[in-house]
Amino acid sequence: LEKNAAAVLKDFDEQLQKYKYMELNLVQRKKRLRAQVPDIEKTLEIVKHMLQKKEEFQTHFMLSDQVHALATVPPTEKVFLWLGANVMLEYTIDEAVVLLTKNLNTATVNADQLEDDLGYLSNQITTMEVNMARVYNWDFKRRKALVE
């Protein structure tokens, strides 16, 4: 029995470490998604502004983290959007609005799903910790009774 309790505790600890690893990955994914949402919203706002404004306008745009430049934006029917992995594609303004709206909805739904998954994992971690404590206490009482 002593070996069985140690083996059970070892198995529980391995499972607990897996849960914690999964939790860490989900937290990182959630953080990335939550960071993407404001960027998508800002881009969508700009594209909608371009859709409404049919004349030239001036704006500041970011060249790098601390450097901004003043630009004059002529009326246009097309925009370029970064898709990630150094990929940029040209879209009509209407297509860009549809794509950005879809991306915003997807990011929000995925972040909410990650929140649910994190809640489930948290429950599993708590359950595993309680089970480990119960097995440890049972084994301690059993060994104490054997000594007496």
N, C-alpha and C. Protein backbone atom coordinates (compact mmCIF):
# COMPACT_ATOMS: atom_id res chain seq x y z
N LEU A 1 0.81 -1.21 0.00
CA LEU A 1 0.00 0.00 0.00
C LEU A 1 0.85 1.27 0.00
N GLU A 2 1.98 1.23 0.73
CA GLU A 2 2.83 2.42 0.80
C GLU A 2 3.33 2.81 -0.59
N LYS A 3 3.71 1.81 -1.34
CA LYS A 3 4.19 2.07 -2.69
C LYS A 3 3.04 2.58 -3.57
N ASN A 4 1.84 2.04 -3.34
CA ASN A 4 0.69 2.47 -4.12
C ASN A 4 0.37 3.94 -3.85
N ALA A 5 0.43 4.38 -2.59
CA ALA A 5 0.14 5.78 -2.26
C ALA A 5 1.18 6.69 -2.92
N ALA A 6 2.43 6.31 -2.89
CA ALA A 6 3.48 7.12 -3.52
C ALA A 6 3.28 7.16 -5.03
N ALA A 7 2.90 6.03 -5.61
CA ALA A 7 2.67 5.99 -7.05
C ALA A 7 1.47 6.85 -7.43
N VAL A 8 0.42 6.79 -6.63
CA VAL A 8 -0.77 7.61 -6.90
C VAL A 8 -0.42 9.09 -6.79
N LEU A 9 0.33 9.45 -5.75
CA LEU A 9 0.74 10.85 -5.59
C LEU A 9 1.61 11.30 -6.76
N LYS A 10 2.47 10.42 -7.24
CA LYS A 10 3.32 10.77 -8.39
C LYS A 10 2.47 10.98 -9.63
N ASP A 11 1.51 10.09 -9.86
CA ASP A 11 0.61 10.24 -11.02
C ASP A 11 -0.21 11.53 -10.93
N PHE A 12 -0.71 11.80 -9.72
CA PHE A 12 -1.49 13.03 -9.52
C PHE A 12 -0.63 14.26 -9.77
N ASP A 13 0.62 14.22 -9.31
CA ASP A 13 1.52 15.37 -9.49
C ASP A 13 1.82 15.57 -10.98
N GLU A 14 2.01 14.49 -11.72
CA GLU A 14 2.24 14.61 -13.16
C GLU A 14 1.04 15.23 -13.85
N GLN A 15 -0.15 14.78 -13.48
CA GLN A 15 -1.37 15.33 -14.07
C GLN A 15 -1.53 16.81 -13.71
N LEU A 16 -1.21 17.14 -12.46
CA LEU A 16 -1.29 18.53 -12.01
C LEU A 16 -0.34 19.41 -12.81
N GLN A 17 0.86 18.93 -13.07
CA GLN A 17 1.83 19.70 -13.85
C GLN A 17 1.33 19.90 -15.28
N LYS A 18 0.67 18.87 -15.84
CA LYS A 18 0.10 19.01 -17.18
C LYS A 18 -0.98 20.08 -17.20
N TYR A 19 -1.85 20.06 -16.19
CA TYR A 19 -2.91 21.08 -16.11
C TYR A 19 -2.31 22.48 -16.00
N LYS A 20 -1.28 22.62 -15.19
CA LYS A 20 -0.67 23.94 -15.01
C LYS A 20 0.02 24.42 -16.30
N TYR A 21 0.61 23.48 -17.04
CA TYR A 21 1.22 23.83 -18.32
C TYR A 21 0.14 24.29 -19.31
N MET A 22 -0.96 23.55 -19.35
CA MET A 22 -2.06 23.93 -20.23
C MET A 22 -2.61 25.30 -19.83
N GLU A 23 -2.73 25.53 -18.54
CA GLU A 23 -3.23 26.82 -18.06
C GLU A 23 -2.31 27.95 -18.50
N LEU A 24 -1.02 27.76 -18.39
CA LEU A 24 -0.05 28.78 -18.80
C LEU A 24 -0.20 29.10 -20.28
N ASN A 25 -0.33 28.06 -21.11
CA ASN A 25 -0.50 28.28 -22.55
C ASN A 25 -1.80 29.02 -22.86
N LEU A 26 -2.88 28.65 -22.19
CA LEU A 26 -4.16 29.32 -22.43
C LEU A 26 -4.13 30.78 -21.99
N VAL A 27 -3.45 31.05 -20.88
CA VAL A 27 -3.33 32.44 -20.40
C VAL A 27 -2.55 33.27 -21.42
N GLN A 28 -1.50 32.71 -21.99
CA GLN A 28 -0.72 33.43 -23.00
C GLN A 28 -1.54 33.68 -24.25
N ARG A 29 -2.30 32.67 -24.70
CA ARG A 29 -3.16 32.85 -25.88
C ARG A 29 -4.22 33.91 -25.63
N LYS A 30 -4.80 33.89 -24.43
CA LYS A 30 -5.83 34.88 -24.08
C LYS A 30 -5.24 36.28 -24.07
N LYS A 31 -4.04 36.41 -23.54
CA LYS A 31 -3.38 37.72 -23.50
C LYS A 31 -3.13 38.24 -24.91
N ARG A 32 -2.68 37.36 -25.81
CA ARG A 32 -2.46 37.77 -27.20
C ARG A 32 -3.76 38.19 -27.86
N LEU A 33 -4.82 37.42 -27.64
CA LEU A 33 -6.11 37.77 -28.24
C LEU A 33 -6.63 39.09 -27.71
N ARG A 34 -6.52 39.27 -26.40
CA ARG A 34 -7.00 40.53 -25.80
C ARG A 34 -6.21 41.73 -26.31
N ALA A 35 -4.94 41.52 -26.65
CA ALA A 35 -4.12 42.60 -27.22
C ALA A 35 -4.51 42.88 -28.67
N GLN A 36 -4.97 41.85 -29.39
CA GLN A 36 -5.35 42.02 -30.78
C GLN A 36 -6.66 42.80 -30.93
N VAL A 37 -7.57 42.62 -30.00
CA VAL A 37 -8.90 43.24 -30.12
C VAL A 37 -8.81 44.75 -30.27
N PRO A 38 -8.07 45.48 -29.42
CA PRO A 38 -7.99 46.94 -29.62
C PRO A 38 -7.37 47.33 -30.96
N ASP A 39 -6.38 46.57 -31.42
CA ASP A 39 -5.77 46.86 -32.72
C ASP A 39 -6.79 46.69 -33.85
N ILE A 40 -7.55 45.61 -33.79
CA ILE A 40 -8.56 45.38 -34.83
C ILE A 40 -9.62 46.47 -34.77
N GLU A 41 -10.06 46.84 -33.56
CA GLU A 41 -11.08 47.89 -33.41
C GLU A 41 -10.59 49.21 -33.99
N LYS A 42 -9.33 49.54 -33.68
CA LYS A 42 -8.76 50.80 -34.18
C LYS A 42 -8.67 50.79 -35.70
N THR A 43 -8.23 49.69 -36.27
CA THR A 43 -8.12 49.57 -37.72
C THR A 43 -9.51 49.65 -38.37
N LEU A 44 -10.48 48.98 -37.78
CA LEU A 44 -11.85 49.01 -38.29
C LEU A 44 -12.41 50.44 -38.24
N GLU A 45 -12.13 51.14 -37.17
CA GLU A 45 -12.59 52.53 -37.05
C GLU A 45 -11.99 53.40 -38.15
N ILE A 46 -10.70 53.21 -38.41
CA ILE A 46 -10.03 54.00 -39.45
C ILE A 46 -10.61 53.69 -40.83
N VAL A 47 -10.81 52.40 -41.10
CA VAL A 47 -11.35 52.01 -42.41
C VAL A 47 -12.76 52.55 -42.59
N LYS A 48 -13.56 52.50 -41.54
CA LYS A 48 -14.92 53.06 -41.63
C LYS A 48 -14.87 54.58 -41.85
N HIS A 49 -13.91 55.23 -41.20
CA HIS A 49 -13.73 56.67 -41.40
C HIS A 49 -13.38 56.96 -42.86
N MET A 50 -12.52 56.13 -43.44
CA MET A 50 -12.14 56.31 -44.84
C MET A 50 -13.33 56.06 -45.77
N LEU A 51 -14.21 55.17 -45.37
CA LEU A 51 -15.40 54.87 -46.16
C LEU A 51 -16.35 56.07 -46.18
N GLN A 52 -16.45 56.76 -45.04
CA GLN A 52 -17.35 57.92 -44.95
C GLN A 52 -16.75 59.16 -45.61
N LYS A 53 -15.45 59.35 -45.39
CA LYS A 53 -14.78 60.54 -45.94
C LYS A 53 -14.35 60.25 -47.36
N LYS A 54 -14.89 60.98 -48.27
CA LYS A 54 -14.52 60.79 -49.68
C LYS A 54 -13.56 61.87 -50.16
N GLU A 55 -13.07 62.69 -49.21
CA GLU A 55 -12.10 63.71 -49.59
C GLU A 55 -10.78 63.48 -48.86
N GLU A 56 -9.79 64.20 -49.25
CA GLU A 56 -8.45 64.10 -48.67
C GLU A 56 -8.49 64.53 -47.20
N PHE A 57 -7.70 63.85 -46.35
CA PHE A 57 -7.60 64.26 -44.94
C PHE A 57 -6.18 64.01 -44.44
N GLN A 58 -5.85 64.67 -43.33
CA GLN A 58 -4.52 64.52 -42.75
C GLN A 58 -4.60 63.69 -41.48
N THR A 59 -3.55 62.94 -41.23
CA THR A 59 -3.49 62.10 -40.04
C THR A 59 -2.04 61.88 -39.63
N HIS A 60 -1.86 61.43 -38.41
CA HIS A 60 -0.54 61.02 -37.93
C HIS A 60 -0.49 59.50 -37.99
N PHE A 61 0.62 58.97 -38.44
CA PHE A 61 0.77 57.52 -38.41
C PHE A 61 2.11 57.16 -37.80
N MET A 62 2.17 55.97 -37.24
CA MET A 62 3.34 55.54 -36.50
C MET A 62 4.36 54.90 -37.44
N LEU A 63 5.57 55.43 -37.42
CA LEU A 63 6.68 54.83 -38.17
C LEU A 63 7.37 53.76 -37.34
N SER A 64 7.53 54.05 -36.04
CA SER A 64 8.08 53.09 -35.08
C SER A 64 7.48 53.45 -33.72
N ASP A 65 7.91 52.78 -32.68
CA ASP A 65 7.29 52.97 -31.37
C ASP A 65 7.23 54.43 -30.91
N GLN A 66 8.28 55.20 -31.16
CA GLN A 66 8.33 56.57 -30.67
C GLN A 66 8.30 57.62 -31.78
N VAL A 67 8.18 57.20 -33.03
CA VAL A 67 8.25 58.12 -34.15
C VAL A 67 6.93 58.11 -34.93
N HIS A 68 6.34 59.30 -35.05
CA HIS A 68 5.10 59.45 -35.82
C HIS A 68 5.34 60.48 -36.93
N ALA A 69 4.58 60.36 -37.99
CA ALA A 69 4.71 61.28 -39.11
C ALA A 69 3.33 61.78 -39.52
N LEU A 70 3.29 62.99 -40.05
CA LEU A 70 2.06 63.57 -40.55
C LEU A 70 1.92 63.15 -42.02
N ALA A 71 0.72 62.70 -42.37
CA ALA A 71 0.49 62.24 -43.74
C ALA A 71 -0.83 62.79 -44.25
N THR A 72 -0.86 63.04 -45.53
CA THR A 72 -2.10 63.43 -46.21
C THR A 72 -2.60 62.20 -46.95
N VAL A 73 -3.83 61.80 -46.64
CA VAL A 73 -4.40 60.59 -47.24
C VAL A 73 -5.38 61.02 -48.33
N PRO A 74 -5.09 60.68 -49.58
CA PRO A 74 -6.00 61.03 -50.67
C PRO A 74 -7.23 60.11 -50.64
N PRO A 75 -8.30 60.52 -51.28
CA PRO A 75 -9.46 59.63 -51.36
C PRO A 75 -9.07 58.33 -52.07
N THR A 76 -9.54 57.23 -51.57
CA THR A 76 -9.17 55.94 -52.14
C THR A 76 -10.31 54.94 -51.97
N GLU A 77 -10.27 53.93 -52.77
CA GLU A 77 -11.25 52.84 -52.68
C GLU A 77 -10.61 51.57 -52.17
N LYS A 78 -9.29 51.61 -51.97
CA LYS A 78 -8.57 50.40 -51.56
C LYS A 78 -7.70 50.70 -50.35
N VAL A 79 -7.50 49.66 -49.53
CA VAL A 79 -6.61 49.74 -48.37
C VAL A 79 -5.76 48.47 -48.35
N PHE A 80 -4.64 48.56 -47.65
CA PHE A 80 -3.77 47.41 -47.45
C PHE A 80 -3.84 47.03 -45.99
N LEU A 81 -4.05 45.74 -45.71
CA LEU A 81 -4.14 45.26 -44.33
C LEU A 81 -3.05 44.22 -44.09
N TRP A 82 -2.39 44.36 -42.90
CA TRP A 82 -1.43 43.34 -42.49
C TRP A 82 -2.22 42.14 -42.01
N LEU A 83 -1.89 40.97 -42.53
CA LEU A 83 -2.55 39.75 -42.10
C LEU A 83 -1.69 38.97 -41.11
N GLY A 84 -0.46 39.36 -40.95
CA GLY A 84 0.47 38.67 -40.06
C GLY A 84 1.50 37.93 -40.88
N ALA A 85 2.56 37.50 -40.20
CA ALA A 85 3.66 36.76 -40.85
C ALA A 85 4.20 37.54 -42.05
N ASN A 86 4.31 38.86 -41.92
CA ASN A 86 4.82 39.73 -42.98
C ASN A 86 4.03 39.63 -44.27
N VAL A 87 2.73 39.46 -44.15
CA VAL A 87 1.84 39.38 -45.32
C VAL A 87 0.88 40.56 -45.28
N MET A 88 0.84 41.29 -46.38
CA MET A 88 -0.08 42.42 -46.52
C MET A 88 -0.87 42.21 -47.80
N LEU A 89 -2.20 42.42 -47.72
CA LEU A 89 -3.04 42.27 -48.90
C LEU A 89 -3.86 43.53 -49.14
N GLU A 90 -4.18 43.75 -50.40
CA GLU A 90 -4.99 44.89 -50.79
C GLU A 90 -6.46 44.46 -50.80
N TYR A 91 -7.30 45.30 -50.20
CA TYR A 91 -8.74 45.07 -50.16
C TYR A 91 -9.47 46.34 -50.55
N THR A 92 -10.67 46.17 -51.08
CA THR A 92 -11.52 47.35 -51.21
C THR A 92 -11.94 47.73 -49.80
N ILE A 93 -12.38 48.95 -49.62
CA ILE A 93 -12.76 49.40 -48.28
C ILE A 93 -13.92 48.55 -47.74
N ASP A 94 -14.88 48.23 -48.59
CA ASP A 94 -16.01 47.40 -48.14
C ASP A 94 -15.54 46.02 -47.71
N GLU A 95 -14.64 45.41 -48.49
CA GLU A 95 -14.11 44.10 -48.13
C GLU A 95 -13.33 44.16 -46.82
N ALA A 96 -12.59 45.25 -46.63
CA ALA A 96 -11.81 45.42 -45.41
C ALA A 96 -12.72 45.52 -44.19
N VAL A 97 -13.82 46.25 -44.33
CA VAL A 97 -14.77 46.37 -43.21
C VAL A 97 -15.33 45.00 -42.85
N VAL A 98 -15.71 44.23 -43.86
CA VAL A 98 -16.25 42.89 -43.62
C VAL A 98 -15.21 42.00 -42.95
N LEU A 99 -13.99 42.00 -43.49
CA LEU A 99 -12.93 41.17 -42.93
C LEU A 99 -12.60 41.55 -41.50
N LEU A 100 -12.45 42.85 -41.25
CA LEU A 100 -12.10 43.30 -39.90
C LEU A 100 -13.22 43.02 -38.90
N THR A 101 -14.47 43.18 -39.33
CA THR A 101 -15.60 42.87 -38.45
C THR A 101 -15.60 41.39 -38.11
N LYS A 102 -15.38 40.56 -39.12
CA LYS A 102 -15.32 39.10 -38.88
C LYS A 102 -14.17 38.76 -37.95
N ASN A 103 -13.00 39.35 -38.16
CA ASN A 103 -11.84 39.09 -37.31
C ASN A 103 -12.09 39.55 -35.87
N LEU A 104 -12.75 40.68 -35.71
CA LEU A 104 -13.06 41.19 -34.38
C LEU A 104 -14.01 40.24 -33.66
N ASN A 105 -15.04 39.79 -34.36
CA ASN A 105 -15.99 38.86 -33.74
C ASN A 105 -15.31 37.54 -33.38
N THR A 106 -14.48 37.04 -34.27
CA THR A 106 -13.76 35.78 -34.02
C THR A 106 -12.84 35.91 -32.82
N ALA A 107 -12.10 37.01 -32.74
CA ALA A 107 -11.18 37.22 -31.61
C ALA A 107 -11.95 37.30 -30.30
N THR A 108 -13.08 37.97 -30.30
CA THR A 108 -13.88 38.11 -29.08
C THR A 108 -14.44 36.75 -28.65
N VAL A 109 -14.97 35.99 -29.61
CA VAL A 109 -15.53 34.67 -29.29
C VAL A 109 -14.42 33.74 -28.78
N ASN A 110 -13.26 33.76 -29.44
CA ASN A 110 -12.15 32.91 -29.00
C ASN A 110 -11.67 33.29 -27.60
N ALA A 111 -11.62 34.58 -27.30
CA ALA A 111 -11.20 35.02 -25.97
C ALA A 111 -12.20 34.55 -24.92
N ASP A 112 -13.48 34.62 -25.25
CA ASP A 112 -14.51 34.14 -24.31
C ASP A 112 -14.40 32.63 -24.10
N GLN A 113 -14.12 31.90 -25.18
CA GLN A 113 -13.96 30.44 -25.07
C GLN A 113 -12.74 30.10 -24.22
N LEU A 114 -11.67 30.85 -24.41
CA LEU A 114 -10.48 30.63 -23.59
C LEU A 114 -10.78 30.89 -22.12
N GLU A 115 -11.61 31.88 -21.85
CA GLU A 115 -12.01 32.17 -20.47
C GLU A 115 -12.74 30.98 -19.86
N ASP A 116 -13.64 30.38 -20.63
CA ASP A 116 -14.35 29.19 -20.16
C ASP A 116 -13.38 28.03 -19.94
N ASP A 117 -12.46 27.84 -20.87
CA ASP A 117 -11.47 26.76 -20.73
C ASP A 117 -10.59 26.96 -19.50
N LEU A 118 -10.22 28.21 -19.24
CA LEU A 118 -9.41 28.51 -18.06
C LEU A 118 -10.19 28.22 -16.77
N GLY A 119 -11.48 28.52 -16.77
CA GLY A 119 -12.31 28.21 -15.61
C GLY A 119 -12.36 26.71 -15.36
N TYR A 120 -12.54 25.94 -16.43
CA TYR A 120 -12.57 24.49 -16.31
C TYR A 120 -11.23 23.97 -15.78
N LEU A 121 -10.13 24.47 -16.34
CA LEU A 121 -8.80 24.04 -15.90
C LEU A 121 -8.56 24.40 -14.43
N SER A 122 -9.03 25.55 -14.03
CA SER A 122 -8.87 25.97 -12.64
C SER A 122 -9.59 24.99 -11.71
N ASN A 123 -10.79 24.57 -12.10
CA ASN A 123 -11.52 23.58 -11.31
C ASN A 123 -10.77 22.25 -11.26
N GLN A 124 -10.21 21.84 -12.39
CA GLN A 124 -9.46 20.59 -12.43
C GLN A 124 -8.22 20.66 -11.54
N ILE A 125 -7.53 21.79 -11.56
CA ILE A 125 -6.33 21.96 -10.73
C ILE A 125 -6.71 21.89 -9.26
N THR A 126 -7.78 22.57 -8.88
CA THR A 126 -8.23 22.55 -7.49
C THR A 126 -8.61 21.13 -7.07
N THR A 127 -9.34 20.43 -7.92
CA THR A 127 -9.74 19.06 -7.62
C THR A 127 -8.52 18.16 -7.45
N MET A 128 -7.54 18.32 -8.33
CA MET A 128 -6.34 17.49 -8.26
C MET A 128 -5.56 17.79 -6.98
N GLU A 129 -5.47 19.06 -6.58
CA GLU A 129 -4.75 19.41 -5.35
C GLU A 129 -5.46 18.85 -4.13
N VAL A 130 -6.78 18.91 -4.12
CA VAL A 130 -7.55 18.34 -3.00
C VAL A 130 -7.35 16.83 -2.93
N ASN A 131 -7.41 16.17 -4.09
CA ASN A 131 -7.20 14.72 -4.12
C ASN A 131 -5.80 14.34 -3.64
N MET A 132 -4.81 15.13 -4.04
CA MET A 132 -3.44 14.85 -3.57
C MET A 132 -3.35 14.98 -2.06
N ALA A 133 -3.98 16.02 -1.51
CA ALA A 133 -3.97 16.22 -0.06
C ALA A 133 -4.67 15.07 0.65
N ARG A 134 -5.78 14.59 0.10
CA ARG A 134 -6.51 13.48 0.72
C ARG A 134 -5.68 12.19 0.71
N VAL A 135 -5.04 11.90 -0.42
CA VAL A 135 -4.21 10.69 -0.49
C VAL A 135 -3.04 10.80 0.48
N TYR A 136 -2.42 11.96 0.53
CA TYR A 136 -1.28 12.17 1.43
C TYR A 136 -1.73 11.99 2.88
N ASN A 137 -2.85 12.62 3.26
CA ASN A 137 -3.35 12.50 4.63
C ASN A 137 -3.73 11.06 4.96
N TRP A 138 -4.37 10.37 4.03
CA TRP A 138 -4.74 8.97 4.25
C TRP A 138 -3.50 8.13 4.49
N ASP A 139 -2.47 8.34 3.65
CA ASP A 139 -1.24 7.57 3.78
C ASP A 139 -0.53 7.90 5.10
N PHE A 140 -0.54 9.15 5.49
CA PHE A 140 0.08 9.57 6.75
C PHE A 140 -0.60 8.89 7.93
N LYS A 141 -1.93 8.90 7.95
CA LYS A 141 -2.68 8.26 9.04
C LYS A 141 -2.45 6.75 9.04
N ARG A 142 -2.39 6.15 7.86
CA ARG A 142 -2.16 4.71 7.77
C ARG A 142 -0.77 4.35 8.31
N ARG A 143 0.25 5.12 7.94
CA ARG A 143 1.61 4.83 8.45
C ARG A 143 1.71 5.10 9.94
N LYS A 144 1.02 6.10 10.42
CA LYS A 144 1.03 6.41 11.85
C LYS A 144 0.38 5.28 12.63
N ALA A 145 -0.71 4.72 12.09
CA ALA A 145 -1.38 3.61 12.76
C ALA A 145 -0.49 2.37 12.76
N LEU A 146 0.30 2.16 11.71
CA LEU A 146 1.20 1.00 11.66
C LEU A 146 2.31 1.11 12.71
N VAL A 147 2.78 2.31 12.98
CA VAL A 147 3.84 2.52 13.96
C VAL A 147 3.32 2.25 15.37
N GLU A 148 2.10 2.65 15.64
CA GLU A 148 1.52 2.50 16.99
C GLU A 148 1.11 1.13 17.31
